[in-house]
Protein backbone atom coordinates (compact mmCIF):
# COMPACT_ATOMS: atom_id res chain seq x y z
CA MET A 1 153.81 148.55 92.93
CA ARG A 2 150.45 146.39 92.47
CA ARG A 3 151.42 145.07 96.21
CA VAL A 4 151.84 148.60 97.25
CA ARG A 5 148.33 149.34 95.96
CA PHE A 6 146.88 146.64 97.45
CA CYS A 7 148.01 147.24 100.47
CA MET A 8 146.62 150.25 100.57
CA LEU A 9 143.57 149.33 99.17
CA LEU A 10 143.30 147.05 102.27
CA THR A 11 144.17 149.75 104.59
CA GLY A 12 141.76 151.91 103.52
CA LEU A 13 138.58 149.00 103.46
CA LEU A 14 139.75 148.26 106.90
CA MET A 15 140.05 152.20 107.75
CA ALA A 16 136.50 152.65 106.17
CA GLY A 17 134.75 149.63 107.90
CA GLN A 18 136.53 150.95 111.31
CA ALA A 19 134.97 154.86 110.55
CA LEU A 20 131.35 152.89 109.98
CA ALA A 21 131.42 150.88 112.94
CA ASP A 22 132.63 153.69 115.16
CA ASP A 23 129.48 155.85 113.33
CA GLY A 24 127.37 152.68 114.38
CA TRP A 25 128.21 152.81 118.03
CA GLN A 26 128.31 156.37 118.26
CA LYS A 27 124.59 155.94 116.54
CA ILE A 28 123.53 153.11 119.60
CA LYS A 29 125.04 155.42 122.49
CA GLN A 30 122.73 158.17 121.40
CA ASP A 31 119.69 156.28 121.04
CA ALA A 32 120.71 155.04 124.47
CA ARG A 33 120.97 158.30 126.29
CA GLY A 34 117.31 158.89 128.32
CA GLN A 35 116.46 155.52 128.30
CA THR A 36 115.38 153.24 131.04
CA VAL A 37 117.15 149.61 130.69
CA TRP A 38 115.48 146.95 132.73
CA PHE A 39 118.41 144.43 133.78
CA ASN A 40 117.36 141.20 135.22
CA ALA A 41 119.41 139.56 137.23
CA TRP A 42 120.16 137.33 140.27
CA GLY A 43 120.09 138.70 143.57
CA GLY A 44 121.02 136.20 146.09
CA ASP A 45 124.39 137.59 147.22
CA GLU A 46 124.68 141.19 148.69
CA ALA A 47 128.44 141.21 146.78
CA VAL A 48 126.34 141.51 143.39
CA ASN A 49 124.09 143.69 144.79
CA ARG A 50 126.14 145.95 145.56
CA TYR A 51 128.31 145.76 142.48
CA LEU A 52 125.16 146.39 140.44
CA ASP A 53 124.15 149.28 142.30
CA TRP A 54 127.07 150.72 141.65
CA VAL A 55 126.88 149.78 137.93
CA SER A 56 123.56 151.79 137.83
CA GLY A 57 125.14 155.15 139.33
CA GLU A 58 128.29 154.50 137.07
CA MET A 59 125.46 154.38 133.77
CA LYS A 60 123.31 157.21 135.07
CA SER A 61 126.37 160.02 135.98
CA HIS A 62 128.12 158.88 132.55
CA TYR A 63 125.48 157.76 129.83
CA ALA A 64 122.31 159.19 130.98
CA ILE A 65 121.06 155.50 131.11
CA ASN A 66 118.53 154.91 134.31
CA LEU A 67 119.48 151.50 134.88
CA LYS A 68 117.20 149.30 136.77
CA ILE A 69 117.65 146.22 138.46
CA VAL A 70 115.27 143.49 138.87
CA ARG A 71 116.70 141.44 141.32
CA LEU A 72 115.96 137.55 140.92
CA ALA A 73 115.93 134.69 142.86
CA ASP A 74 115.69 132.64 139.72
CA ALA A 75 116.31 133.75 135.64
CA ALA A 76 114.45 131.23 135.22
CA ASP A 77 111.09 133.67 136.42
CA ALA A 78 112.51 136.33 133.24
CA VAL A 79 112.81 133.25 131.24
CA LYS A 80 108.88 132.76 131.69
CA ARG A 81 108.04 136.49 131.32
CA ILE A 82 109.50 136.39 127.64
CA GLN A 83 108.09 133.34 126.72
CA THR A 84 104.66 134.29 128.16
CA GLU A 85 105.08 137.85 126.51
CA ALA A 86 106.28 135.98 123.07
CA SER A 87 103.44 133.84 122.97
CA ALA A 88 101.43 136.90 123.63
CA GLY A 89 102.49 138.87 120.30
CA ARG A 90 104.49 141.48 121.99
CA LYS A 91 107.47 141.43 119.56
CA THR A 92 108.03 145.22 121.12
CA ASN A 93 108.02 146.77 124.92
CA GLY A 94 109.23 143.73 126.13
CA SER A 95 109.60 143.64 130.13
CA VAL A 96 113.34 142.79 129.86
CA ASP A 97 116.03 144.66 128.12
CA LEU A 98 118.97 142.62 129.36
CA LEU A 99 119.72 139.40 131.54
CA TRP A 100 122.14 137.72 133.44
CA VAL A 101 121.63 134.34 132.19
CA ASN A 102 122.72 130.63 132.51
CA GLY A 103 123.09 128.07 130.12
CA GLU A 104 120.02 126.12 130.68
CA ASN A 105 118.11 129.19 130.45
CA PHE A 106 120.19 130.53 127.21
CA ARG A 107 119.69 127.40 125.55
CA THR A 108 116.15 127.53 125.94
CA LEU A 109 115.50 131.21 124.95
CA LYS A 110 118.01 130.61 122.17
CA THR A 111 116.04 128.00 120.77
CA ALA A 112 112.77 129.79 120.69
CA GLY A 113 114.11 132.86 118.88
CA LEU A 114 113.50 135.09 121.63
CA LEU A 115 117.09 136.46 121.62
CA GLN A 116 118.85 139.35 119.61
CA THR A 117 122.08 137.28 117.98
CA GLY A 118 125.21 139.05 116.47
CA TRP A 119 125.83 142.35 118.13
CA ALA A 120 128.12 140.88 121.51
CA LYS A 121 131.37 140.69 118.97
CA THR A 122 130.49 144.46 118.24
CA LEU A 123 130.69 146.07 121.23
CA PRO A 124 133.95 148.32 121.21
CA ASN A 125 134.99 146.67 124.26
CA TRP A 126 135.19 143.19 122.37
CA ARG A 127 138.77 144.01 121.99
CA TYR A 128 139.99 143.40 125.20
CA VAL A 129 137.78 139.84 125.96
CA ASP A 130 140.40 136.91 126.50
CA THR A 131 138.64 134.42 124.08
CA THR A 132 141.04 131.64 125.17
CA LYS A 133 138.13 131.53 127.34
CA PRO A 134 134.69 129.89 126.38
CA VAL A 135 133.16 133.01 125.44
CA SER A 136 131.78 131.67 121.83
CA GLU A 137 129.59 129.09 123.69
CA ASP A 138 127.70 128.56 126.80
CA PHE A 139 126.74 125.05 128.21
CA ALA A 140 128.41 123.75 124.89
CA ILE A 141 126.36 125.83 122.56
CA PRO A 142 127.41 127.96 120.10
CA THR A 143 126.35 132.06 121.39
CA GLU A 144 126.33 133.39 117.90
CA GLY A 145 127.17 136.82 119.51
CA ALA A 146 123.30 136.10 121.56
CA GLU A 147 125.56 136.79 124.56
CA SER A 148 128.27 139.11 126.01
CA PRO A 149 130.46 137.82 128.96
CA TRP A 150 131.05 139.48 131.56
CA GLY A 151 132.40 137.53 134.09
CA SER A 152 133.90 133.62 134.12
CA ALA A 153 133.68 131.24 137.19
CA GLN A 154 134.86 127.97 138.51
CA LEU A 155 133.41 125.35 140.97
CA THR A 156 135.40 125.61 144.20
CA PHE A 157 134.99 124.16 147.43
CA ILE A 158 135.89 126.49 150.41
CA ALA A 159 137.58 125.04 153.74
CA ARG A 160 139.64 126.74 157.28
CA ARG A 161 142.67 125.93 157.72
CA GLU A 162 142.54 124.63 161.02
CA GLN A 163 139.84 121.83 160.43
CA LEU A 164 141.54 121.14 156.96
CA ALA A 165 145.45 121.73 156.66
CA GLU A 166 145.76 120.73 152.84
CA PRO A 167 143.10 120.67 150.15
CA LEU A 168 141.65 117.59 149.30
CA ALA A 169 142.67 116.08 146.17
CA ASP A 170 140.09 114.49 144.79
CA ALA A 171 136.43 112.83 144.60
CA GLY A 172 137.90 109.81 146.67
CA THR A 173 139.36 112.11 149.50
CA LEU A 174 136.46 114.11 149.76
CA LEU A 175 134.66 110.37 150.31
CA GLU A 176 137.54 109.62 152.67
CA TYR A 177 137.22 112.98 154.37
CA ALA A 178 133.56 113.23 154.99
CA SER A 179 133.14 109.45 156.47
CA LYS A 180 136.36 110.70 159.22
CA HIS A 181 133.99 114.02 159.41
CA PRO A 182 130.07 112.69 159.35
CA GLY A 183 127.65 115.19 159.43
CA THR A 184 130.28 118.39 158.67
CA VAL A 185 130.17 117.98 154.92
CA THR A 186 127.13 118.32 152.13
CA TYR A 187 125.98 120.05 149.27
CA PRO A 188 122.85 122.55 148.18
CA ARG A 189 120.19 120.80 146.76
CA PRO A 190 119.39 120.56 143.33
CA PRO A 191 118.09 122.48 141.15
CA ASP A 192 120.44 124.95 142.97
CA PHE A 193 122.67 125.67 140.38
CA THR A 194 125.93 125.03 142.66
CA GLY A 195 124.18 121.70 143.34
CA THR A 196 123.66 120.94 140.23
CA ALA A 197 127.52 122.08 139.24
CA PHE A 198 128.29 119.91 141.72
CA LEU A 199 126.93 116.81 140.32
CA GLU A 200 127.80 117.65 136.98
CA GLN A 201 131.48 117.85 138.49
CA LEU A 202 131.25 114.36 139.58
CA LEU A 203 130.23 113.07 137.11
CA LEU A 204 132.59 114.42 134.81
CA THR A 205 135.07 112.62 136.87
CA GLN A 206 133.55 109.96 137.75
CA THR A 207 132.30 108.50 134.35
CA THR A 208 133.84 106.28 132.05
CA GLN A 209 132.94 107.76 128.87
CA PRO A 210 132.95 111.68 129.62
CA GLU A 211 133.09 112.61 125.88
CA VAL A 212 129.31 111.84 125.68
CA LEU A 213 128.60 114.86 127.60
CA LYS A 214 129.10 117.37 125.22
CA GLN A 215 125.86 115.59 123.51
CA PRO A 216 122.72 115.72 124.93
CA PRO A 217 121.48 112.78 126.82
CA ASP A 218 120.12 110.01 125.39
CA SER A 219 117.76 107.80 127.07
CA ALA A 220 119.20 104.29 126.14
CA THR A 221 122.43 104.83 127.45
CA PHE A 222 121.87 107.84 130.27
CA ALA A 223 121.55 105.00 133.03
CA ARG A 224 124.91 103.70 131.92
CA VAL A 225 126.59 106.72 131.83
CA THR A 226 125.82 108.32 134.91
CA ALA A 227 125.80 105.05 137.06
CA PRO A 228 129.48 105.35 138.67
CA LEU A 229 127.66 109.10 139.77
CA TRP A 230 124.74 107.50 141.28
CA ALA A 231 127.46 104.67 143.39
CA TYR A 232 129.30 107.21 144.33
CA LEU A 233 126.54 109.20 146.13
CA ASP A 234 125.19 106.35 147.20
CA LYS A 235 128.59 105.85 149.67
CA LEU A 236 128.73 109.38 150.35
CA HIS A 237 125.14 110.54 151.29
CA PRO A 238 125.15 108.64 154.71
CA TYR A 239 128.46 110.45 155.99
CA LEU A 240 126.63 113.92 154.54
CA TRP A 241 124.81 116.66 157.08
CA ARG A 242 121.66 115.13 158.45
CA GLU A 243 122.87 111.81 156.73
CA GLY A 244 122.12 113.11 153.50
CA LYS A 245 118.47 113.15 154.70
CA ASP A 246 118.12 117.27 154.05
CA PHE A 247 120.32 119.48 152.21
CA PRO A 248 121.12 123.62 152.42
CA PRO A 249 119.07 125.35 149.80
CA SER A 250 122.16 127.54 148.96
CA PRO A 251 125.41 128.25 148.51
CA ALA A 252 125.04 130.89 151.16
CA ARG A 253 123.50 128.68 153.76
CA MET A 254 126.73 126.66 153.39
CA ASP A 255 128.99 129.70 154.13
CA ALA A 256 126.83 130.07 157.43
CA LEU A 257 127.10 126.71 158.43
CA LEU A 258 130.46 126.51 157.98
CA ALA A 259 131.36 129.73 159.98
CA SER A 260 129.06 128.61 162.95
CA GLY A 261 131.22 125.11 162.70
CA ASN A 262 128.41 123.17 161.68
CA LEU A 263 130.30 122.26 158.28
CA ARG A 264 133.79 121.99 157.54
CA LEU A 265 133.03 122.60 153.96
CA SER A 266 131.32 125.35 151.82
CA ILE A 267 131.06 125.43 147.98
CA THR A 268 130.57 128.13 145.83
CA PHE A 269 131.00 128.73 141.99
CA ASN A 270 133.75 131.84 142.34
CA PRO A 271 137.38 131.37 143.33
CA ALA A 272 137.74 134.96 144.54
CA HIS A 273 134.49 134.06 146.86
CA ALA A 274 136.42 133.24 149.82
CA ARG A 275 138.56 136.23 149.81
CA GLN A 276 135.36 138.30 149.78
CA LYS A 277 133.64 136.57 152.56
CA VAL A 278 137.22 136.89 154.61
CA ALA A 279 137.12 140.23 153.76
CA SER A 280 133.61 141.08 154.96
CA LYS A 281 134.17 138.99 158.05
CA GLU A 282 131.23 136.64 156.88
CA LEU A 283 134.16 133.83 157.07
CA PRO A 284 136.60 133.37 159.42
CA ALA A 285 139.69 134.85 158.55
CA ASP A 286 141.53 130.94 157.92
CA SER A 287 138.83 130.11 155.29
CA TYR A 288 140.72 129.34 152.30
CA SER A 289 139.26 127.95 148.45
CA PHE A 290 141.22 124.85 146.64
CA GLY A 291 139.71 122.81 144.11
CA PHE A 292 140.68 118.86 142.90
CA ARG A 293 143.36 118.47 141.11
CA GLN A 294 142.21 117.28 137.89
CA GLY A 295 140.24 120.03 137.31
CA MET A 296 137.10 121.71 138.65
CA LEU A 297 133.89 122.44 136.31
CA GLY A 298 134.23 126.03 134.96
CA ASN A 299 132.81 128.46 132.69
CA VAL A 300 131.73 131.80 131.70
CA HIS A 301 128.58 133.96 132.41
CA PHE A 302 126.95 135.89 129.93
CA VAL A 303 124.12 138.81 129.69
CA ALA A 304 121.75 138.54 126.96
CA ILE A 305 119.31 140.80 125.23
CA PRO A 306 115.85 139.36 124.35
CA ALA A 307 114.27 139.66 121.19
CA ASN A 308 112.03 142.39 122.31
CA ALA A 309 113.54 144.10 124.48
CA SER A 310 112.48 147.82 124.55
CA ALA A 311 115.71 149.51 124.98
CA SER A 312 117.53 147.43 122.64
CA ALA A 313 120.31 150.15 122.30
CA GLY A 314 120.65 150.93 125.73
CA ALA A 315 121.31 147.57 126.87
CA LYS A 316 123.90 147.12 124.74
CA VAL A 317 125.81 150.31 126.01
CA VAL A 318 125.53 148.45 129.64
CA ALA A 319 126.81 145.40 128.14
CA ASN A 320 129.81 147.12 126.76
CA PHE A 321 130.40 149.06 129.94
CA LEU A 322 130.21 145.82 132.09
CA LEU A 323 133.35 144.41 129.51
CA SER A 324 135.38 147.92 130.08
CA PRO A 325 138.49 147.55 131.87
CA GLU A 326 137.28 149.65 134.99
CA ALA A 327 134.12 147.77 135.28
CA GLN A 328 136.27 144.50 135.01
CA ILE A 329 138.64 145.52 137.62
CA HIS A 330 135.99 147.27 140.42
CA LYS A 331 134.06 143.22 139.98
CA ALA A 332 137.27 141.76 140.07
CA ASP A 333 138.54 143.18 143.95
CA PRO A 334 137.60 140.51 146.85
CA ALA A 335 136.33 144.07 148.55
CA ASN A 336 133.61 144.65 146.26
CA TRP A 337 132.82 141.26 144.46
CA GLY A 338 135.62 139.69 143.48
CA ASP A 339 134.02 137.46 140.44
CA PRO A 340 136.88 136.56 137.80
CA SER A 341 137.48 138.71 134.73
CA VAL A 342 136.73 137.62 131.10
CA LEU A 343 139.73 140.29 130.07
CA ASP A 344 142.72 139.49 128.92
CA PRO A 345 145.35 141.44 131.06
CA GLN A 346 147.43 141.73 127.83
CA LYS A 347 145.65 143.49 125.75
CA LEU A 348 145.11 146.47 128.64
CA PRO A 349 147.14 149.18 128.99
CA ALA A 350 149.91 148.14 131.25
CA SER A 351 148.73 150.49 134.77
CA GLN A 352 144.76 148.33 134.13
CA ALA A 353 146.91 145.30 133.13
CA GLU A 354 148.41 145.71 137.05
CA LYS A 355 145.83 146.44 138.67
CA LEU A 356 143.38 143.48 137.43
CA ARG A 357 146.37 140.74 137.91
CA GLN A 358 146.58 141.62 141.55
CA PHE A 359 142.93 139.83 141.71
CA ILE A 360 143.24 137.21 139.84
CA PRO A 361 143.61 134.20 141.71
CA ALA A 362 146.85 131.99 142.21
CA ASP A 363 147.28 128.22 141.47
CA LEU A 364 144.08 127.59 139.88
CA PRO A 365 142.72 124.20 139.14
CA PRO A 366 142.20 123.31 135.53
CA THR A 367 139.10 124.11 134.16
CA LEU A 368 136.71 121.61 133.18
CA GLY A 369 134.39 122.33 130.49
CA GLU A 370 130.81 121.67 131.24
CA PRO A 371 128.62 119.06 129.90
CA HIS A 372 126.02 119.85 127.11
CA ALA A 373 123.05 121.87 129.00
CA ALA A 374 120.47 119.33 128.14
CA TRP A 375 122.16 117.08 130.94
CA VAL A 376 121.17 119.96 133.72
CA ASN A 377 117.57 118.66 133.91
CA ALA A 378 118.29 114.81 133.37
CA LEU A 379 120.72 114.83 136.35
CA GLU A 380 118.49 117.13 138.05
CA GLN A 381 115.33 115.02 137.31
CA GLU A 382 117.20 111.62 138.22
CA TRP A 383 118.53 113.12 141.52
CA LEU A 384 115.32 114.35 142.91
CA ARG A 385 113.94 110.72 141.81
CA ARG A 386 116.74 109.05 144.09
CA TYR A 387 117.27 111.63 147.03
CA GLY A 388 114.89 114.11 146.94
CA THR A 389 111.83 112.45 148.76
CA HIS A 390 113.70 111.86 152.14
């Protein structure tokens, strides 16, 4: 009898807690109605821009939220604005309500106490999230509910079947391929995000001390840990496009060079990117994606809410919508964007699970976790010192 009473009490407490959570979310939705939410996001890809325009329309139609997309060339611009506002004592009424943020910028903002925390897992649609993905840390830094995931990514090469019938297996075969086809392989110039990710990929697979990459770089051991990376690049660069004396500014430029036949490889942080670009006829029909057998660098990308956001409630409603099965399926479709989902199909209703599964890329290589965020700047500075003055 005591056990029955205890179970009834526990059930009652859980139901009461759920009711309070539901009431809290209803209050947030009510507060969000009529708000203008300024969403600062990278605007360097037309598919991304079209998707965000669709989200903006959905927020207006279904939630009475006026979602304004601020298209950034670099998220660091928004970070600087948030920092400037904080320095000026602007603790409310900030100019950024929601920010698509990468790990390096997340570390900067979180360390300075410039983000709201503890809200992400309270979103109703969090229940659909695939928690086997790294959704609770970003560049090895705990998110503590300060970021909500909305897409997953993995560094991926793109080639044409006509030029590369079989995928390259590892960094060694990439070097061999470049040597046989000089001038047709390259990577984006760091600090372009994808260019830096390429350096991290090589570092993860070339260093003899991968375990130390989960901690900030140590100035006393940095040279030793990274020596295999620079040795590899010293061998690779003479075979690169323009002999490694110049580098494309972005993956988009590499796509254009692949399409025109000037390059044999492009690179992206989206395994579905090639399908999307083939569908839009921006890449040749025989273009395909691949990764190294050992694995490729991967992560989850997030949105965050600054501590001084003007429309905090609206920002949470937008973040929750970005996690909805509807929005995630629409985003995963290469005809729209082709950005991989962060949802677990097993947690979705059967009909939605079936729709989402058709957009999950097959044969993905294992995901290699990212180094600590502090490695980004250290690698970029050393790369620029060694190769950036050509």
